Amino acid sequence: MAKKIPILQIGGQNWQTEQSLSDKLEWHYYSFERIEELLSELDQIQSEQIQLKTLRQEREEVLTTLFDEELDEQAKVELEEFLRTSKSFKELEKEIKRLQKKIDTSLKFSALVLSDDTYPESIMPILDLFKVYEIFYPQGSHATGWLQEELRKRMAQSYDATKKSEFAHTLSQGLFVGQYGAKVHIDDLEVSPNFAGTIQMKGRKKLILEGEFEPDYRQIALFRFNVQYNADQFLNLFLEHETSSECSLQMTVRLIPDGATDHIVKEWKIEGEELRNQVVIDAEISGYLFISILAKGSGRVEIGDLHYRFSRNGLGEFILGGERIVDENLQEVFTYFEPADFKPPLCVYFSGFRTAEGFEGFWMMKSMKTPFMLICDPRLDGGAFYLGSKELEDKIQQKIQDKLDFLGFDSSQLILSGMSMGTFGASYYGAKLKPHGIVVSKPLLSLGDMALAEHLNRPGGFPTSLDLLHSNYHSMDTEAAEKLNNRFWDLMEPNVYESTKFAVAYMKEDDYDSTAFEKLVRTSRETGARILGRGYSGRHLDGSDVTSSWFIKQYRDMLKKDFNRE
């Protein structure tokens, strides 16, 4: 049986006495009168943690002495014999194990539910137990003063207090550790033999069906491979698609339980506006999802990849607090933000190309101990370089600006960064946001040239570059490539980077974009960019360890020298 999720509730009324809550939860309720009792328990745990740390230091000192090279062999033999027979050392080891076991089984919580509007300041040590986004308070709460500010700092999330059972269910399946997202590509889409219209592939991005469909919904395609479903977690499904005005699309999802082949236990039919959003799959039985596409009317249907992701059902995209940006064309980008200590700068990291969907660089950015933001792009095979419609790009830029405003920072307190694909996002939005610094590794800036290199210089090396070119300009000729190049280089106006420092690690024989660093330096006379560069021998996919190390070093140097960050 799966381990239960421990939830701490503090308030006037225990939810467990009001209604039945999910048996996946381990519910810990403390009334206002019992807050001191909880604080006492927490103090005891803290005291034991300090004691454990002290005992471990004592043991470490003894063992360090044992391996001291200055000790002669006789002294080492005597010390080893002492450790083997010493009652005091055995007692030390025994006490360490006892304390560790006690701490491991002590109070630990995955989330804090505040069910009232007002609380005494004495709960502050309790709030400190929780990470950002792990505290929940009722919508419409009238929290004021210190509590309102603490909820803001800790990025607390609101819930609908009129739907406690539903919220508890969300907690039971939405607080898992980690993230997961993948996609079923159109290569795995099989068109119905009964479809009599025209079929066209738009690169590896879209399957286009055009013709007369039935008056009522009829299957036009199905995905050959099923999607696995685990009843312990929500699952999001999102289908990239477009239709002409005269036809409608429906996605049918059927759940087949583990061990069965033709037994359907639940079915979802998604269409219209609902199909334009992520669909949450929630069922009590694990199994496999068989997914088919239906259409009615006449006209044109474009079907793209089917995304499936572990879902938190409103608690965050991929990880707690993650946010989704989507435009009218159903193109997505995701962001995550942590305010840390609310001191400058805000460090933004654009994920590199990754076939697994989700955020990249979480622990690296968290280790900087500054406010940080992650941005990831799940489109195409592993990202569409953060380009898109004006609506999508404006929303990305505005999301970064919103976080600056939340922190009370301006653009001089902003650093943008990224590796490989992420370098384009950092440099492109850097030209618009005017940050203090841009830290990049393996820059890719002339995306049109990157696509053209697929023909001769790098055949089959990065076919996504061709999809990127075609999705933006519906062509793959040199004229379209030049337009794609100019998406970045047209931004290189006089003094566009006059307030920006660049730290750039690049590959000298880069086979994706061989001129990125050279052109960045050449245009710096006009743009005003101050550039620190370091070149390494190799092609684009070589030398990741050394370029990543240099990237992190330059990041930390910029934080230390320009923002007094240690």
Protein backbone atom coordinates (compact mmCIF):
# COMPACT_ATOMS: atom_id res chain seq x y z
CA MET A 1 0.00 0.00 0.00
CA ALA A 2 1.26 3.47 -0.90
CA LYS A 3 2.53 5.64 1.94
CA LYS A 4 -0.06 8.13 3.15
CA ILE A 5 0.46 11.85 2.62
CA PRO A 6 0.73 13.74 5.94
CA ILE A 7 -1.31 16.96 6.04
CA LEU A 8 -1.33 19.46 8.91
CA GLN A 9 -4.54 21.43 9.50
CA ILE A 10 -4.72 24.28 12.02
CA GLY A 11 -8.03 25.96 12.73
CA GLY A 12 -11.26 26.01 14.65
CA GLN A 13 -12.90 22.89 13.21
CA ASN A 14 -11.39 19.53 12.32
CA TRP A 15 -12.32 18.68 8.74
CA GLN A 16 -12.24 14.98 9.57
CA THR A 17 -15.24 15.37 11.88
CA GLU A 18 -17.21 17.22 9.20
CA GLN A 19 -16.84 14.83 6.28
CA SER A 20 -15.04 11.80 4.95
CA LEU A 21 -11.58 12.63 3.63
CA SER A 22 -9.42 10.57 1.29
CA ASP A 23 -7.88 7.52 2.93
CA LYS A 24 -4.65 8.42 1.11
CA LEU A 25 -4.18 11.27 3.57
CA GLU A 26 -2.71 11.15 7.07
CA TRP A 27 -4.63 14.05 8.61
CA HIS A 28 -3.12 15.87 11.60
CA TYR A 29 -5.44 18.42 13.19
CA TYR A 30 -4.45 20.99 15.81
CA SER A 31 -6.94 23.43 17.25
CA PHE A 32 -5.91 26.90 18.40
CA GLU A 33 -5.76 25.57 21.95
CA ARG A 34 -3.23 22.89 20.91
CA ILE A 35 -0.81 25.16 19.02
CA GLU A 36 1.52 25.32 22.04
CA GLU A 37 1.52 21.53 22.17
CA LEU A 38 2.56 21.36 18.51
CA LEU A 39 5.25 23.99 19.05
CA SER A 40 6.60 21.98 21.98
CA GLU A 41 6.81 18.85 19.82
CA LEU A 42 8.63 20.80 17.12
CA ASP A 43 11.07 22.22 19.67
CA GLN A 44 11.81 18.70 20.87
CA ILE A 45 12.51 17.56 17.31
CA GLN A 46 14.79 20.54 16.72
CA SER A 47 16.66 19.82 19.94
CA GLU A 48 17.18 16.20 18.89
CA GLN A 49 18.43 17.29 15.48
CA ILE A 50 21.02 19.53 17.15
CA GLN A 51 22.01 16.69 19.46
CA LEU A 52 22.36 14.30 16.51
CA LYS A 53 24.57 16.78 14.67
CA THR A 54 26.82 17.13 17.73
CA LEU A 55 27.18 13.36 18.15
CA ARG A 56 28.04 12.93 14.49
CA GLN A 57 30.73 15.57 14.81
CA GLU A 58 32.19 13.68 17.77
CA ARG A 59 32.24 10.45 15.77
CA GLU A 60 33.80 12.23 12.80
CA GLU A 61 36.60 13.60 14.98
CA VAL A 62 37.43 10.12 16.28
CA LEU A 63 37.42 8.58 12.78
CA THR A 64 39.49 11.45 11.39
CA THR A 65 42.10 10.75 14.04
CA LEU A 66 42.13 7.08 13.01
CA PHE A 67 43.05 7.98 9.44
CA ASP A 68 45.57 10.64 10.38
CA GLU A 69 48.66 9.92 8.25
CA GLU A 70 50.95 11.22 11.02
CA LEU A 71 49.98 8.37 13.35
CA ASP A 72 52.44 5.50 13.34
CA GLU A 73 51.20 1.97 12.64
CA GLN A 74 51.25 0.95 16.31
CA ALA A 75 49.09 3.94 17.28
CA LYS A 76 46.60 3.08 14.53
CA VAL A 77 46.38 -0.54 15.71
CA GLU A 78 45.74 0.61 19.27
CA LEU A 79 43.09 3.11 18.13
CA GLU A 80 41.31 0.48 16.01
CA GLU A 81 41.28 -1.86 19.00
CA PHE A 82 39.86 0.94 21.14
CA LEU A 83 37.03 1.54 18.67
CA ARG A 84 36.28 -2.18 18.50
CA THR A 85 36.12 -2.70 22.25
CA SER A 86 35.26 0.74 23.61
CA LYS A 87 31.93 0.80 25.35
CA SER A 88 31.70 4.58 25.04
CA PHE A 89 32.18 4.51 21.24
CA LYS A 90 29.57 1.76 20.88
CA GLU A 91 27.19 3.80 23.00
CA LEU A 92 27.87 6.78 20.74
CA GLU A 93 26.99 4.77 17.63
CA LYS A 94 23.89 3.38 19.32
CA GLU A 95 22.69 6.86 20.34
CA ILE A 96 23.22 8.21 16.82
CA LYS A 97 21.09 5.39 15.38
CA ARG A 98 18.38 5.92 18.01
CA LEU A 99 18.13 9.65 17.37
CA GLN A 100 18.16 9.18 13.61
CA LYS A 101 15.33 6.66 13.79
CA LYS A 102 13.32 8.93 16.07
CA ILE A 103 13.78 11.94 13.80
CA ASP A 104 12.90 9.87 10.72
CA THR A 105 9.56 8.93 12.31
CA SER A 106 8.84 12.35 13.80
CA LEU A 107 6.29 14.87 12.58
CA LYS A 108 6.71 15.70 8.90
CA PHE A 109 4.06 17.27 6.73
CA SER A 110 3.59 17.67 2.98
CA ALA A 111 1.23 20.64 3.27
CA LEU A 112 -0.33 23.04 5.77
CA VAL A 113 -4.04 23.82 5.55
CA LEU A 114 -5.10 27.01 7.31
CA SER A 115 -8.86 26.87 7.68
CA ASP A 116 -9.50 30.20 9.44
CA ASP A 117 -8.82 33.89 8.70
CA THR A 118 -6.84 34.89 11.77
CA TYR A 119 -3.98 33.19 13.61
CA PRO A 120 -1.63 34.12 16.45
CA GLU A 121 1.93 35.07 15.52
CA SER A 122 3.08 32.12 17.59
CA ILE A 123 2.48 29.85 14.56
CA MET A 124 5.43 31.45 12.72
CA PRO A 125 7.77 28.51 13.54
CA ILE A 126 5.12 26.21 12.08
CA LEU A 127 5.00 28.19 8.83
CA ASP A 128 8.78 27.84 8.63
CA LEU A 129 8.40 24.07 8.26
CA PHE A 130 6.93 24.46 4.79
CA LYS A 131 8.42 25.33 1.42
CA VAL A 132 6.87 27.82 -0.97
CA TYR A 133 3.47 26.79 -2.37
CA GLU A 134 2.92 24.19 0.40
CA ILE A 135 0.65 26.41 2.53
CA PHE A 136 -3.05 26.67 1.65
CA TYR A 137 -5.63 29.19 2.85
CA PRO A 138 -9.35 29.72 2.06
CA GLN A 139 -10.37 31.85 -0.92
CA GLY A 140 -11.71 35.23 0.11
CA SER A 141 -9.69 35.08 3.31
CA HIS A 142 -9.59 38.33 5.25
CA ALA A 143 -6.09 37.71 6.58
CA THR A 144 -4.40 41.00 7.40
CA GLY A 145 -1.15 42.33 8.80
CA TRP A 146 1.64 39.90 9.49
CA LEU A 147 -0.30 36.83 8.29
CA GLN A 148 -1.19 38.40 4.95
CA GLU A 149 2.46 39.29 4.39
CA GLU A 150 3.68 35.83 5.40
CA LEU A 151 1.23 34.14 3.03
CA ARG A 152 2.50 36.38 0.25
CA LYS A 153 6.16 35.65 0.96
CA ARG A 154 5.55 31.92 1.08
CA MET A 155 3.50 31.93 -2.15
CA ALA A 156 0.59 30.34 -0.29
CA GLN A 157 -2.20 28.99 -2.50
CA SER A 158 -5.93 29.50 -1.99
CA TYR A 159 -8.63 26.83 -2.02
CA ASP A 160 -12.43 26.83 -2.18
CA ALA A 161 -13.61 26.31 1.41
CA THR A 162 -17.06 25.26 0.17
CA LYS A 163 -15.50 22.20 -1.51
CA LYS A 164 -13.36 20.74 1.25
CA SER A 165 -13.75 17.13 0.18
CA GLU A 166 -12.72 17.91 -3.40
CA PHE A 167 -9.75 19.92 -2.17
CA ALA A 168 -8.66 17.09 0.14
CA HIS A 169 -8.89 14.72 -2.83
CA THR A 170 -6.64 17.06 -4.82
CA LEU A 171 -4.13 17.07 -1.96
CA SER A 172 -4.19 13.28 -1.86
CA GLN A 173 -3.05 13.00 -5.49
CA GLY A 174 -1.40 16.33 -6.25
CA LEU A 175 1.47 16.46 -3.74
CA PHE A 176 3.72 13.85 -5.32
CA VAL A 177 7.47 14.38 -5.58
CA GLY A 178 9.05 15.15 -8.96
CA GLN A 179 7.58 15.85 -12.37
CA TYR A 180 6.78 13.93 -15.53
CA GLY A 181 5.60 14.85 -18.98
CA ALA A 182 5.83 13.27 -22.42
CA LYS A 183 4.00 13.24 -25.71
CA VAL A 184 2.58 10.86 -28.29
CA HIS A 185 3.78 12.12 -31.67
CA ILE A 186 1.73 12.23 -34.86
CA ASP A 187 3.99 9.44 -36.17
CA ASP A 188 1.93 7.20 -33.90
CA LEU A 189 -1.40 8.49 -35.22
CA GLU A 190 -3.29 6.09 -37.52
CA VAL A 191 -5.90 7.54 -39.87
CA SER A 192 -9.18 5.65 -40.20
CA PRO A 193 -9.41 3.64 -43.46
CA ASN A 194 -12.95 5.01 -43.84
CA PHE A 195 -11.71 8.58 -44.23
CA ALA A 196 -12.01 9.51 -47.92
CA GLY A 197 -10.53 13.02 -47.85
CA THR A 198 -6.98 14.25 -48.35
CA ILE A 199 -4.17 13.51 -45.91
CA GLN A 200 -1.08 15.70 -45.57
CA MET A 201 1.87 15.78 -43.19
CA LYS A 202 3.12 19.21 -42.11
CA GLY A 203 6.70 18.27 -41.32
CA ARG A 204 6.73 16.21 -38.15
CA LYS A 205 4.49 18.71 -36.41
CA LYS A 206 0.95 18.34 -37.78
CA LEU A 207 -1.26 15.82 -39.57
CA ILE A 208 -3.81 17.56 -41.79
CA LEU A 209 -7.09 15.90 -42.79
CA GLU A 210 -9.37 17.74 -45.18
CA GLY A 211 -12.68 16.72 -46.69
CA GLU A 212 -16.26 15.78 -45.87
CA PHE A 213 -16.78 14.24 -42.45
CA GLU A 214 -20.00 12.64 -41.20
CA PRO A 215 -22.90 14.77 -39.85
CA ASP A 216 -22.33 13.14 -36.46
CA TYR A 217 -19.03 12.42 -34.75
CA ARG A 218 -17.11 9.57 -36.40
CA GLN A 219 -13.61 8.33 -35.72
CA ILE A 220 -11.03 9.75 -38.12
CA ALA A 221 -7.84 8.67 -36.34
CA LEU A 222 -6.47 6.87 -33.30
CA PHE A 223 -3.19 6.75 -31.43
CA ARG A 224 -1.54 3.35 -31.89
CA PHE A 225 0.00 3.37 -28.44
CA ASN A 226 -1.94 3.65 -25.21
CA VAL A 227 -1.03 6.00 -22.37
CA GLN A 228 -0.42 4.42 -18.98
CA TYR A 229 -2.59 5.69 -16.13
CA ASN A 230 -1.92 5.38 -12.38
CA ALA A 231 -4.94 5.79 -10.12
CA ASP A 232 -2.77 7.40 -7.43
CA GLN A 233 -2.18 10.49 -9.58
CA PHE A 234 -4.10 12.85 -11.79
CA LEU A 235 -3.08 12.89 -15.45
CA ASN A 236 -3.35 15.86 -17.79
CA LEU A 237 -4.03 15.31 -21.49
CA PHE A 238 -3.59 18.10 -24.02
CA LEU A 239 -4.06 17.74 -27.77
CA GLU A 240 -2.53 20.26 -30.14
CA HIS A 241 -5.14 20.88 -32.84
CA GLU A 242 -6.81 23.37 -35.16
CA THR A 243 -10.06 23.15 -37.10
CA SER A 244 -11.79 25.22 -39.74
CA SER A 245 -15.09 26.81 -38.76
CA GLU A 246 -17.29 24.24 -40.51
CA CYS A 247 -16.09 21.18 -38.61
CA SER A 248 -15.78 20.07 -35.00
CA LEU A 249 -13.35 17.77 -33.23
CA GLN A 250 -13.78 15.37 -30.33
CA MET A 251 -11.22 13.36 -28.39
CA THR A 252 -12.49 10.15 -26.82
CA VAL A 253 -10.50 8.60 -23.98
CA ARG A 254 -11.26 5.08 -22.77
CA LEU A 255 -9.73 3.54 -19.65
CA ILE A 256 -8.85 -0.15 -19.92
CA PRO A 257 -7.84 -1.70 -16.56
CA ASP A 258 -4.51 -3.46 -16.10
CA GLY A 259 -4.68 -7.06 -17.29
CA ALA A 260 -7.70 -6.52 -19.55
CA THR A 261 -7.82 -6.09 -23.33
CA ASP A 262 -11.37 -5.12 -24.21
CA HIS A 263 -13.01 -4.10 -20.94
CA ILE A 264 -13.64 -0.34 -20.70
CA VAL A 265 -14.32 0.95 -17.17
CA LYS A 266 -14.57 4.67 -17.89
CA GLU A 267 -14.87 6.95 -20.89
CA TRP A 268 -14.33 10.68 -21.41
CA LYS A 269 -15.55 12.65 -24.42
CA ILE A 270 -13.85 16.01 -24.80
CA GLU A 271 -14.80 18.59 -27.39
CA GLY A 272 -15.24 22.30 -28.03
CA GLU A 273 -13.74 24.73 -25.55
CA GLU A 274 -12.90 21.91 -23.14
CA LEU A 275 -10.58 20.40 -25.76
CA ARG A 276 -8.65 23.67 -25.93
CA ASN A 277 -7.58 23.19 -22.32
CA GLN A 278 -5.71 20.49 -20.45
CA VAL A 279 -8.08 17.66 -19.53
CA VAL A 280 -7.68 16.13 -16.07
CA ILE A 281 -8.07 12.35 -16.00
CA ASP A 282 -9.13 11.09 -12.59
CA ALA A 283 -10.25 7.51 -12.02
CA GLU A 284 -10.13 4.96 -9.22
CA ILE A 285 -8.62 2.17 -11.34
CA SER A 286 -5.15 2.01 -12.89
CA GLY A 287 -4.77 0.91 -16.48
CA TYR A 288 -4.24 2.20 -20.00
CA LEU A 289 -5.89 5.01 -21.91
CA PHE A 290 -6.96 4.30 -25.49
CA ILE A 291 -7.36 7.61 -27.30
CA SER A 292 -9.15 8.28 -30.57
CA ILE A 293 -10.02 11.41 -32.56
CA LEU A 294 -13.48 12.02 -34.00
CA ALA A 295 -14.78 14.74 -36.31
CA LYS A 296 -18.03 15.96 -37.84
CA GLY A 297 -18.98 18.50 -40.50
CA SER A 298 -16.66 19.39 -43.36
CA GLY A 299 -13.42 21.27 -43.76
CA ARG A 300 -9.89 21.03 -42.40
CA VAL A 301 -8.56 19.41 -39.25
CA GLU A 302 -4.95 19.75 -38.06
CA ILE A 303 -3.85 17.32 -35.36
CA GLY A 304 -0.59 17.73 -33.47
CA ASP A 305 1.10 15.93 -30.61
CA LEU A 306 -0.84 14.58 -27.64
CA HIS A 307 0.81 15.71 -24.41
CA TYR A 308 0.34 13.72 -21.21
CA ARG A 309 1.65 14.91 -17.86
CA PHE A 310 1.39 14.02 -14.20
CA SER A 311 -1.10 16.59 -12.95
CA ARG A 312 -1.55 18.44 -9.67
CA ASN A 313 -5.10 19.48 -10.55
CA GLY A 314 -4.64 23.20 -9.93
CA LEU A 315 -1.79 23.11 -7.40
CA GLY A 316 0.83 23.81 -10.06
CA GLU A 317 2.04 22.73 -13.49
CA PHE A 318 4.68 19.97 -13.31
CA ILE A 319 5.78 21.13 -9.83
CA LEU A 320 3.91 22.94 -7.06
CA GLY A 321 3.42 26.55 -8.15
CA GLY A 322 4.23 25.97 -11.83
CA GLU A 323 2.27 28.18 -14.23
CA ARG A 324 1.09 27.71 -17.80
CA ILE A 325 1.16 30.28 -20.60
CA VAL A 326 -0.92 29.48 -23.68
CA ASP A 327 -1.94 31.53 -26.71
CA GLU A 328 -4.92 31.45 -29.06
CA ASN A 329 -3.11 28.87 -31.22
CA LEU A 330 -2.74 26.50 -28.25
CA GLN A 331 1.03 27.00 -28.11
CA GLU A 332 2.33 26.50 -24.56
CA VAL A 333 5.21 27.63 -22.37
CA PHE A 334 5.52 26.96 -18.63
CA THR A 335 7.07 29.04 -15.85
CA TYR A 336 7.98 28.58 -12.19
CA PHE A 337 8.97 31.24 -9.66
CA GLU A 338 10.52 31.27 -6.17
CA PRO A 339 11.02 34.58 -4.33
CA ALA A 340 13.71 33.18 -1.97
CA ASP A 341 14.90 36.08 0.24
CA PHE A 342 13.30 38.84 -1.86
CA LYS A 343 16.74 40.39 -2.45
CA PRO A 344 18.15 41.20 -5.92
CA PRO A 345 18.66 39.87 -8.47
CA LEU A 346 15.90 37.82 -10.05
CA CYS A 347 17.66 35.03 -11.97
CA VAL A 348 15.71 33.57 -14.90
CA TYR A 349 16.75 30.27 -16.49
CA PHE A 350 15.40 29.16 -19.88
CA SER A 351 15.49 25.36 -20.21
CA GLY A 352 17.51 23.76 -22.97
CA PHE A 353 16.15 21.35 -25.57
CA ARG A 354 14.67 18.34 -23.76
CA THR A 355 12.35 15.62 -25.00
CA ALA A 356 11.07 15.00 -21.47
CA GLU A 357 8.59 17.74 -20.61
CA GLY A 358 9.07 19.78 -17.47
CA PHE A 359 11.42 22.23 -15.84
CA GLU A 360 15.21 22.06 -16.02
CA GLY A 361 17.82 23.49 -13.67
CA PHE A 362 15.72 23.63 -10.48
CA TRP A 363 18.46 22.65 -8.01
CA MET A 364 21.13 24.63 -9.85
CA MET A 365 19.08 27.81 -9.65
CA LYS A 366 17.94 27.15 -6.09
CA SER A 367 21.58 26.79 -5.03
CA MET A 368 22.15 30.42 -6.09
CA LYS A 369 19.94 31.38 -3.10
CA THR A 370 18.39 34.28 -5.02
CA PRO A 371 14.86 34.77 -6.32
CA PHE A 372 14.67 32.66 -9.46
CA MET A 373 12.39 31.75 -12.31
CA LEU A 374 12.39 28.70 -14.60
CA ILE A 375 10.91 28.72 -18.10
CA CYS A 376 10.40 25.60 -20.24
CA ASP A 377 9.05 25.03 -23.74
CA PRO A 378 7.30 21.66 -24.40
CA ARG A 379 6.57 22.21 -28.10
CA LEU A 380 7.96 20.25 -31.08
CA ASP A 381 10.31 17.41 -30.06
CA GLY A 382 11.88 19.25 -27.15
CA GLY A 383 11.20 22.95 -27.54
CA ALA A 384 10.47 25.68 -30.09
CA PHE A 385 13.10 28.13 -28.82
CA TYR A 386 10.56 30.32 -26.99
CA LEU A 387 9.40 31.86 -30.27
CA GLY A 388 5.77 32.06 -31.29
CA SER A 389 2.92 34.42 -31.88
CA LYS A 390 3.12 38.00 -30.66
CA GLU A 391 0.58 36.99 -28.01
CA LEU A 392 2.76 34.17 -26.70
CA GLU A 393 5.97 36.20 -26.69
CA ASP A 394 4.27 39.15 -25.01
CA LYS A 395 2.94 36.82 -22.32
CA ILE A 396 6.42 35.39 -21.65
CA GLN A 397 7.89 38.87 -21.37
CA GLN A 398 5.03 40.04 -19.17
CA LYS A 399 5.36 37.03 -16.87
CA ILE A 400 8.99 37.94 -16.18
CA GLN A 401 8.00 41.58 -15.66
CA ASP A 402 5.24 40.51 -13.26
CA LYS A 403 7.76 38.68 -11.08
CA LEU A 404 10.07 41.71 -11.09
CA ASP A 405 7.12 43.85 -9.98
CA PHE A 406 6.17 41.32 -7.30
CA LEU A 407 9.68 41.55 -5.87
CA GLY A 408 9.88 45.32 -6.27
CA PHE A 409 12.86 45.01 -8.66
CA ASP A 410 13.66 46.78 -11.92
CA SER A 411 15.48 45.46 -15.01
CA SER A 412 18.89 46.36 -13.56
CA GLN A 413 18.22 43.64 -10.98
CA LEU A 414 17.54 40.92 -13.55
CA ILE A 415 19.80 38.18 -14.94
CA LEU A 416 18.65 36.00 -17.84
CA SER A 417 20.38 32.70 -18.56
CA GLY A 418 20.22 29.46 -20.49
CA MET A 419 22.13 26.69 -22.20
CA SER A 420 21.82 25.66 -25.86
CA MET A 421 18.16 26.30 -26.79
CA GLY A 422 17.81 28.36 -23.63
CA THR A 423 20.47 30.80 -24.85
CA PHE A 424 18.09 32.05 -27.52
CA GLY A 425 15.35 32.71 -24.96
CA ALA A 426 17.77 34.55 -22.66
CA SER A 427 19.27 36.69 -25.44
CA TYR A 428 16.00 37.32 -27.31
CA TYR A 429 13.99 38.45 -24.29
CA GLY A 430 17.10 40.17 -22.95
CA ALA A 431 16.94 42.55 -25.90
CA LYS A 432 13.42 43.47 -24.77
CA LEU A 433 13.84 43.48 -21.00
CA LYS A 434 17.29 45.16 -20.77
CA PRO A 435 18.67 42.99 -17.92
CA HIS A 436 21.83 43.56 -15.92
CA GLY A 437 23.33 40.30 -17.15
CA ILE A 438 22.92 37.45 -19.63
CA VAL A 439 24.77 34.20 -18.85
CA VAL A 440 24.71 31.61 -21.64
CA SER A 441 26.44 28.39 -22.69
CA LYS A 442 26.57 27.20 -26.32
CA PRO A 443 24.64 30.10 -27.89
CA LEU A 444 22.18 29.51 -30.74
CA LEU A 445 21.06 32.80 -32.27
CA SER A 446 20.80 32.37 -36.08
CA LEU A 447 18.03 29.78 -36.02
CA GLY A 448 17.50 29.90 -39.78
CA ASP A 449 21.13 28.97 -40.43
CA MET A 450 20.77 26.22 -37.84
CA ALA A 451 17.94 24.74 -39.93
CA LEU A 452 19.80 25.09 -43.25
CA ALA A 453 22.77 23.24 -41.75
CA GLU A 454 20.52 20.19 -41.60
CA HIS A 455 20.79 19.82 -45.40
CA LEU A 456 24.56 19.38 -45.75
CA ASN A 457 26.58 20.19 -42.63
CA ARG A 458 24.58 18.21 -40.10
CA PRO A 459 22.20 15.84 -41.96
CA GLY A 460 19.75 14.24 -39.55
CA GLY A 461 21.50 15.83 -36.58
CA PHE A 462 18.71 18.14 -35.44
CA PRO A 463 15.57 17.73 -37.59
CA THR A 464 13.54 19.78 -35.11
CA SER A 465 15.28 22.84 -36.58
CA LEU A 466 13.40 22.24 -39.84
CA ASP A 467 10.08 21.97 -37.99
CA LEU A 468 10.92 25.22 -36.22
CA LEU A 469 11.57 26.95 -39.54
CA HIS A 470 8.43 25.57 -41.18
CA SER A 471 6.15 26.28 -38.22
CA ASN A 472 7.19 29.94 -38.23
CA TYR A 473 7.30 30.68 -41.97
CA HIS A 474 5.59 27.69 -43.71
CA SER A 475 8.65 27.17 -45.89
CA MET A 476 12.17 25.78 -45.64
CA ASP A 477 13.94 27.86 -48.29
CA THR A 478 16.78 30.34 -47.73
CA GLU A 479 14.39 33.29 -47.67
CA ALA A 480 12.43 31.75 -44.79
CA ALA A 481 15.71 30.92 -43.03
CA GLU A 482 16.85 34.53 -43.32
CA LYS A 483 13.55 35.70 -41.81
CA LEU A 484 14.04 33.31 -38.91
CA ASN A 485 17.61 34.57 -38.43
CA ASN A 486 16.34 38.12 -38.34
CA ARG A 487 13.88 37.39 -35.54
CA PHE A 488 16.91 37.91 -33.32
CA TRP A 489 19.32 40.07 -35.31
CA ASP A 490 16.69 42.70 -36.15
CA LEU A 491 16.58 43.42 -32.41
CA MET A 492 20.26 44.42 -32.41
CA GLU A 493 19.56 48.13 -32.50
CA PRO A 494 21.91 50.82 -31.15
CA ASN A 495 22.44 50.51 -27.37
CA VAL A 496 19.94 47.67 -26.98
CA TYR A 497 22.38 45.95 -24.59
CA GLU A 498 24.10 49.06 -23.22
CA SER A 499 23.24 48.09 -19.63
CA THR A 500 23.87 44.36 -20.10
CA LYS A 501 26.89 42.17 -19.36
CA PHE A 502 27.26 38.91 -21.29
CA ALA A 503 29.11 35.80 -20.09
CA VAL A 504 29.29 33.36 -23.00
CA ALA A 505 30.75 29.84 -23.19
CA TYR A 506 30.83 28.67 -26.80
CA MET A 507 32.09 25.76 -28.92
CA LYS A 508 34.70 26.74 -31.49
CA GLU A 509 33.46 24.19 -34.04
CA ASP A 510 29.76 24.48 -33.22
CA ASP A 511 27.81 22.65 -35.95
CA TYR A 512 24.44 24.14 -34.95
CA ASP A 513 25.28 27.85 -35.09
CA SER A 514 28.93 28.43 -35.96
CA THR A 515 28.72 32.25 -35.99
CA ALA A 516 26.71 33.04 -32.84
CA PHE A 517 29.57 34.27 -30.66
CA GLU A 518 31.39 36.00 -33.51
CA LYS A 519 28.30 37.96 -34.58
CA LEU A 520 27.42 38.82 -30.99
CA VAL A 521 30.87 40.35 -30.55
CA ARG A 522 30.80 42.06 -33.95
CA THR A 523 27.47 43.76 -33.23
CA SER A 524 28.48 44.77 -29.71
CA ARG A 525 29.94 48.04 -31.02
CA GLU A 526 26.37 49.11 -31.82
CA THR A 527 24.44 47.22 -29.15
CA GLY A 528 26.73 48.30 -26.31
CA ALA A 529 26.99 44.76 -24.94
CA ARG A 530 29.97 44.01 -22.68
CA ILE A 531 30.99 40.45 -23.47
CA LEU A 532 33.14 37.98 -21.57
CA GLY A 533 33.65 34.84 -23.65
CA ARG A 534 35.36 31.49 -23.32
CA GLY A 535 35.74 29.13 -26.28
CA TYR A 536 36.12 25.36 -26.12
CA SER A 537 37.12 22.96 -28.87
CA GLY A 538 34.34 20.76 -30.18
CA ARG A 539 30.93 20.67 -31.79
CA HIS A 540 27.67 21.72 -30.22
CA LEU A 541 27.00 18.50 -28.30
CA ASP A 542 30.60 18.18 -27.06
CA GLY A 543 32.12 19.48 -23.85
CA SER A 544 28.94 19.94 -21.83
CA ASP A 545 30.71 19.36 -18.50
CA VAL A 546 33.29 22.10 -18.96
CA THR A 547 30.88 24.63 -20.47
CA SER A 548 28.34 24.01 -17.70
CA SER A 549 31.01 24.47 -15.02
CA TRP A 550 32.14 27.75 -16.59
CA PHE A 551 28.49 28.83 -16.87
CA ILE A 552 27.90 28.28 -13.14
CA LYS A 553 31.19 29.95 -12.19
CA GLN A 554 30.36 33.08 -14.20
CA TYR A 555 26.86 33.13 -12.71
CA ARG A 556 28.24 33.05 -9.18
CA ASP A 557 30.91 35.63 -9.99
CA MET A 558 28.27 38.02 -11.33
CA LEU A 559 26.16 37.52 -8.21
CA LYS A 560 29.13 38.11 -5.93
CA LYS A 561 30.72 41.09 -7.68
CA ASP A 562 27.59 42.94 -8.79
CA PHE A 563 25.08 42.04 -6.06
CA ASN A 564 27.28 41.18 -3.05
CA ARG A 565 25.95 37.63 -3.03
CA GLU A 566 28.12 34.99 -1.40
